[in-house]
Structure formats: structure tokens, C-alpha cells
Amino acid sequence: MSTKRELIEPHKGDKRYVRRDSHGRFVESDDVSRSLSMDRRIKAKHKAKHGQGDRGD
């Protein structure tokens, strides 16, 4: 099972969605603007659970 995406801002103007493992280390990181633009471009065939927006298909 994967964890929910968490929104972080390491420094001003750089927002990212990250996933952490059970030890709190980063497993996956995506830039917010790139993630949101891909979400708009691709229509998902399946619904994703809350916090799992990048896992639609």
C-alpha cells in the first residue's frame, strides 16, 4: 500500500508532492505544476482514493 501524497515547500516557490516510506524517507517526488498539468491532460478511467490523485489509471 502506498502512502498519501503530502504537499511540501522546501523553499519559497518550490512546491512538491512527496510520498514517504514507513521510516519517513522520501520515496517519490513530483513538482506541483507538472503534476497538475498532467492531471488535466489525461482523463482517468478509474477513480482514485483521496490523496492518491496521481494513481487514477
N, C-alpha and C. Protein backbone atom coordinates (compact mmCIF):
# COMPACT_ATOMS: atom_id res chain seq x y z
N MET A 1 0.83 -1.19 0.00
CA MET A 1 0.00 0.00 0.00
C MET A 1 0.87 1.24 0.00
N SER A 2 0.53 2.21 -0.83
CA SER A 2 1.32 3.43 -0.87
C SER A 2 0.69 4.49 0.03
N THR A 3 1.53 5.37 0.53
CA THR A 3 1.06 6.41 1.42
C THR A 3 0.43 7.56 0.63
N LYS A 4 -0.26 8.45 1.33
CA LYS A 4 -0.86 9.60 0.69
C LYS A 4 0.22 10.55 0.22
N ARG A 5 -0.12 11.33 -0.81
CA ARG A 5 0.81 12.37 -1.23
C ARG A 5 0.74 13.51 -0.22
N GLU A 6 1.88 14.10 0.06
CA GLU A 6 1.99 15.19 1.01
C GLU A 6 2.54 16.39 0.26
N LEU A 7 1.98 17.57 0.49
CA LEU A 7 2.46 18.78 -0.16
C LEU A 7 3.50 19.44 0.73
N ILE A 8 4.71 19.64 0.19
CA ILE A 8 5.76 20.32 0.94
C ILE A 8 6.27 21.49 0.12
N GLU A 9 6.91 22.44 0.79
CA GLU A 9 7.53 23.58 0.12
C GLU A 9 8.94 23.75 0.71
N PRO A 10 9.94 23.06 0.11
CA PRO A 10 11.30 23.10 0.67
C PRO A 10 11.87 24.52 0.74
N HIS A 11 11.56 25.33 -0.26
CA HIS A 11 11.90 26.74 -0.22
C HIS A 11 10.85 27.50 -1.01
N LYS A 12 10.75 28.78 -0.80
CA LYS A 12 9.67 29.60 -1.38
C LYS A 12 9.61 29.44 -2.90
N GLY A 13 8.41 29.13 -3.40
CA GLY A 13 8.21 29.00 -4.84
C GLY A 13 8.45 27.59 -5.37
N ASP A 14 8.81 26.64 -4.52
CA ASP A 14 9.07 25.27 -4.97
C ASP A 14 8.17 24.32 -4.18
N LYS A 15 6.95 24.11 -4.69
CA LYS A 15 6.02 23.19 -4.02
C LYS A 15 6.09 21.83 -4.70
N ARG A 16 6.04 20.79 -3.89
CA ARG A 16 6.17 19.43 -4.39
C ARG A 16 5.21 18.50 -3.67
N TYR A 17 4.75 17.47 -4.41
CA TYR A 17 4.01 16.37 -3.81
C TYR A 17 5.02 15.26 -3.56
N VAL A 18 5.06 14.76 -2.33
CA VAL A 18 6.00 13.69 -1.99
C VAL A 18 5.27 12.53 -1.33
N ARG A 19 5.85 11.35 -1.44
CA ARG A 19 5.40 10.17 -0.71
C ARG A 19 6.55 9.73 0.18
N ARG A 20 6.22 9.26 1.37
CA ARG A 20 7.25 8.81 2.31
C ARG A 20 7.09 7.31 2.58
N ASP A 21 8.20 6.66 2.94
CA ASP A 21 8.12 5.25 3.32
C ASP A 21 7.82 5.16 4.82
N SER A 22 7.84 3.98 5.36
CA SER A 22 7.49 3.78 6.77
C SER A 22 8.49 4.43 7.73
N HIS A 23 9.69 4.75 7.24
CA HIS A 23 10.71 5.39 8.07
C HIS A 23 10.71 6.91 7.90
N GLY A 24 9.82 7.45 7.08
CA GLY A 24 9.73 8.89 6.89
C GLY A 24 10.62 9.43 5.79
N ARG A 25 11.29 8.54 5.05
CA ARG A 25 12.16 8.99 3.96
C ARG A 25 11.34 9.17 2.69
N PHE A 26 11.78 10.09 1.83
CA PHE A 26 11.08 10.34 0.57
C PHE A 26 11.24 9.16 -0.38
N VAL A 27 10.12 8.72 -0.96
CA VAL A 27 10.14 7.63 -1.93
C VAL A 27 9.93 8.19 -3.32
N GLU A 28 9.05 9.18 -3.44
CA GLU A 28 8.68 9.74 -4.73
C GLU A 28 8.45 11.24 -4.56
N SER A 29 8.84 12.03 -5.56
CA SER A 29 8.66 13.47 -5.50
C SER A 29 8.25 13.98 -6.88
N ASP A 30 7.20 14.84 -6.93
CA ASP A 30 6.75 15.44 -8.18
C ASP A 30 6.53 16.92 -7.98
N ASP A 31 6.96 17.72 -8.95
CA ASP A 31 6.71 19.16 -8.92
C ASP A 31 5.21 19.41 -9.08
N VAL A 32 4.65 20.35 -8.33
CA VAL A 32 3.21 20.59 -8.34
C VAL A 32 2.70 21.00 -9.71
N SER A 33 3.34 21.96 -10.35
CA SER A 33 2.82 22.44 -11.64
C SER A 33 2.85 21.34 -12.69
N ARG A 34 3.87 20.53 -12.70
CA ARG A 34 3.95 19.42 -13.66
C ARG A 34 2.89 18.37 -13.35
N SER A 35 2.69 18.08 -12.08
CA SER A 35 1.69 17.09 -11.68
C SER A 35 0.28 17.55 -12.05
N LEU A 36 -0.05 18.81 -11.79
CA LEU A 36 -1.39 19.31 -12.09
C LEU A 36 -1.64 19.40 -13.58
N SER A 37 -0.61 19.77 -14.36
CA SER A 37 -0.80 19.87 -15.80
C SER A 37 -1.01 18.49 -16.42
N MET A 38 -0.34 17.46 -15.90
CA MET A 38 -0.56 16.10 -16.40
C MET A 38 -1.94 15.60 -16.00
N ASP A 39 -2.42 15.97 -14.81
CA ASP A 39 -3.76 15.57 -14.38
C ASP A 39 -4.81 16.14 -15.33
N ARG A 40 -4.62 17.35 -15.80
CA ARG A 40 -5.58 17.97 -16.71
C ARG A 40 -5.50 17.37 -18.10
N ARG A 41 -4.33 16.95 -18.52
CA ARG A 41 -4.12 16.45 -19.88
C ARG A 41 -4.68 15.05 -20.09
N ILE A 42 -4.65 14.23 -19.06
CA ILE A 42 -5.05 12.83 -19.19
C ILE A 42 -6.34 12.58 -18.42
N LYS A 43 -7.36 12.06 -19.09
CA LYS A 43 -8.63 11.74 -18.45
C LYS A 43 -8.54 10.34 -17.85
N ALA A 44 -8.75 10.24 -16.55
CA ALA A 44 -8.65 8.95 -15.86
C ALA A 44 -9.88 8.09 -16.13
N LYS A 45 -9.67 6.80 -16.27
CA LYS A 45 -10.76 5.85 -16.47
C LYS A 45 -11.28 5.32 -15.14
N HIS A 46 -10.46 5.36 -14.10
CA HIS A 46 -10.83 4.85 -12.79
C HIS A 46 -10.66 5.95 -11.75
N LYS A 47 -11.51 5.94 -10.74
CA LYS A 47 -11.40 6.92 -9.66
C LYS A 47 -10.30 6.47 -8.69
N ALA A 48 -9.59 7.45 -8.16
CA ALA A 48 -8.56 7.17 -7.17
C ALA A 48 -9.06 7.61 -5.80
N LYS A 49 -8.54 7.01 -4.76
CA LYS A 49 -8.90 7.38 -3.40
C LYS A 49 -8.36 8.77 -3.10
N HIS A 50 -8.93 9.41 -2.08
CA HIS A 50 -8.48 10.73 -1.66
C HIS A 50 -7.00 10.70 -1.28
N GLY A 51 -6.21 11.65 -1.79
CA GLY A 51 -4.78 11.69 -1.51
C GLY A 51 -3.94 10.86 -2.45
N GLN A 52 -4.60 10.17 -3.41
CA GLN A 52 -3.89 9.32 -4.36
C GLN A 52 -4.16 9.82 -5.78
N GLY A 53 -4.19 11.13 -5.99
CA GLY A 53 -4.60 11.72 -7.26
C GLY A 53 -3.80 11.29 -8.47
N ASP A 54 -2.55 10.90 -8.30
CA ASP A 54 -1.73 10.50 -9.42
C ASP A 54 -1.90 9.02 -9.75
N ARG A 55 -2.77 8.32 -9.03
CA ARG A 55 -2.94 6.89 -9.23
C ARG A 55 -4.27 6.56 -9.91
N GLY A 56 -4.80 7.46 -10.74
CA GLY A 56 -6.11 7.28 -11.36
C GLY A 56 -6.17 6.11 -12.31
N ASP A 57 -5.14 5.84 -13.07
CA ASP A 57 -5.17 4.76 -14.05
C ASP A 57 -4.04 3.79 -13.85
